[in-house]
Protein backbone atom coordinates (compact mmCIF):
# COMPACT_ATOMS: atom_id res chain seq x y z
CA MET A 1 15.80 4.62 16.94
CA ILE A 2 14.75 1.06 16.04
CA LYS A 3 11.96 2.40 13.80
CA LEU A 4 14.50 4.55 11.94
CA ILE A 5 16.71 1.53 11.37
CA LYS A 6 13.76 -0.45 10.00
CA ILE A 7 12.63 2.22 7.53
CA LEU A 8 16.08 3.50 6.50
CA PRO A 9 16.41 0.92 3.68
CA ILE A 10 13.05 2.04 2.22
CA ILE A 11 14.09 5.69 2.35
CA LEU A 12 17.43 4.92 0.69
CA LEU A 13 15.78 2.89 -2.07
CA LEU A 14 13.26 5.64 -2.77
CA GLN A 15 15.88 8.40 -2.82
CA THR A 16 18.35 6.52 -5.01
CA GLY A 17 15.66 5.61 -7.52
CA ILE A 18 16.24 1.86 -7.36
CA ILE A 19 12.56 1.18 -6.78
CA PHE A 20 11.51 3.42 -9.64
CA GLY A 21 13.88 1.59 -11.97
CA SER A 22 11.58 -1.43 -11.70
CA GLU A 23 7.93 -1.32 -12.55
CA LYS A 24 6.66 -3.39 -9.59
CA LEU A 25 6.98 -2.98 -5.84
CA MET A 26 5.77 -5.49 -3.24
CA LEU A 27 4.86 -4.07 0.17
CA ASN A 28 3.87 -5.80 3.39
CA CYS A 29 1.54 -3.43 5.25
CA GLY A 30 0.29 -4.81 8.54
CA GLY A 31 0.58 -8.38 7.28
CA THR A 32 -1.24 -7.67 4.00
CA GLN A 33 0.77 -8.13 0.80
CA ILE A 34 0.15 -5.34 -1.72
CA LEU A 35 1.75 -5.39 -5.15
CA LEU A 36 2.09 -1.97 -6.79
CA ASN A 37 2.56 -1.72 -10.53
CA LEU A 38 4.10 1.73 -10.80
CA GLN A 39 3.97 2.02 -14.59
CA GLU A 40 0.37 0.87 -15.02
CA ARG A 41 -0.78 2.69 -11.83
CA LYS A 42 -2.53 -0.44 -10.53
CA SER A 43 -2.48 -2.17 -7.16
CA TYR A 44 -3.14 -5.81 -6.30
CA GLN A 45 -4.10 -7.41 -3.01
CA ILE A 46 -2.54 -10.71 -3.93
CA GLU A 47 -3.60 -12.85 -0.96
CA ASN A 48 -7.24 -12.95 -2.04
CA ASP A 49 -8.99 -15.37 -4.34
CA PRO A 50 -10.10 -13.95 -6.66
CA LEU A 51 -7.30 -11.42 -6.94
CA VAL A 52 -8.37 -7.91 -5.92
CA ILE A 53 -7.31 -5.22 -8.40
CA GLY A 54 -7.33 -1.56 -7.48
CA SER A 55 -6.00 1.80 -8.55
CA LEU A 56 -2.77 3.54 -7.62
CA GLU A 57 -2.06 7.25 -7.44
CA ILE A 58 1.55 8.34 -7.01
CA SER A 59 2.68 11.64 -5.55
CA ASP A 60 6.05 12.87 -4.32
CA HIS A 61 5.40 11.79 -0.74
CA MET A 62 2.65 9.16 -0.91
CA PHE A 63 1.11 6.18 -2.69
CA LEU A 64 -2.70 6.25 -2.58
CA VAL A 65 -4.10 2.74 -3.09
CA SER A 66 -7.84 2.17 -3.61
CA PHE A 67 -9.65 -1.15 -3.86
CA PRO A 68 -13.30 -1.19 -5.00
CA LYS A 69 -16.31 -2.58 -3.17
CA SER A 70 -17.45 -6.09 -4.05
CA LYS A 71 -20.16 -8.42 -2.79
CA SER A 72 -17.85 -9.72 -0.07
CA ARG A 73 -15.55 -6.72 0.54
CA TYR A 74 -15.79 -3.15 1.74
CA PRO A 75 -14.14 -0.48 -0.39
CA VAL A 76 -10.61 0.20 0.88
CA GLN A 77 -8.29 3.21 0.72
CA ILE A 78 -4.67 3.01 1.88
CA LYS A 79 -2.29 5.96 2.17
CA ILE A 80 1.34 4.79 2.17
CA PHE A 81 3.79 7.53 3.06
CA ARG A 82 6.95 7.04 1.02
CA TYR A 83 9.50 8.69 3.30
CA THR A 84 8.39 7.21 6.62
CA GLY A 85 7.04 3.84 5.51
CA THR A 86 3.87 4.35 7.55
CA TYR A 87 0.39 3.64 6.24
CA GLU A 88 -3.18 4.62 7.06
CA TRP A 89 -5.78 2.00 6.12
CA GLU A 90 -9.47 2.88 5.93
CA HIS A 91 -12.38 0.67 4.85
CA GLY A 92 -16.14 0.98 5.15
CA TYR A 93 -19.01 2.93 3.62
CA GLY A 94 -18.46 6.51 4.76
CA LYS A 95 -16.40 9.03 2.79
CA PHE A 96 -12.71 8.33 3.13
CA GLY A 97 -10.55 10.89 4.89
CA ILE A 98 -13.41 12.06 7.11
CA LEU A 99 -13.94 10.54 10.55
CA SER A 100 -17.03 8.37 10.18
CA PRO A 101 -18.65 5.68 12.35
CA LYS A 102 -19.25 3.73 9.12
CA ASN A 103 -15.50 3.28 8.56
CA HIS A 104 -12.77 1.28 10.25
CA TYR A 105 -9.22 2.62 10.56
CA ARG A 106 -5.81 1.12 11.17
CA SER A 107 -2.25 2.28 10.78
CA GLY A 108 1.27 0.90 11.01
CA GLU A 109 4.40 0.44 8.94
CA CYS A 110 4.95 -1.00 5.48
CA PHE A 111 8.04 -2.95 4.51
CA VAL A 112 9.40 -3.80 1.10
CA SER A 113 9.18 -7.53 0.51
CA GLU A 114 10.39 -9.72 -2.30
CA GLY A 115 8.02 -9.45 -5.23
CA LYS A 116 8.68 -12.84 -6.83
CA LYS A 117 6.32 -15.78 -7.24
CA LYS A 118 7.35 -18.73 -5.10
CA PHE A 119 5.73 -21.39 -7.26
């Protein structure tokens, strides 16, 4: 019941279209801040220096966020389910979506956070 109360605001925002009225959406997924630019179909992992820029695919039930490999980072793929608020995070070198010992997995809940610069 507590989980439902936590994700109900996200569901209501998605169904009423308030989120889609704006072009940016800030999500906190497992402590990681991810900024989604819905119009440009880009994603940003904003806590990193340099800023990590990735792609964004949008479907009726899911955001699919992908960040590329770099010299210091594994490639990352995150599935964020729009109606439940849950996410599935996968990073590593195996193919994503297939159980692989070369990949690491985690899951949890995403929350909408304020997408404004503080300074």
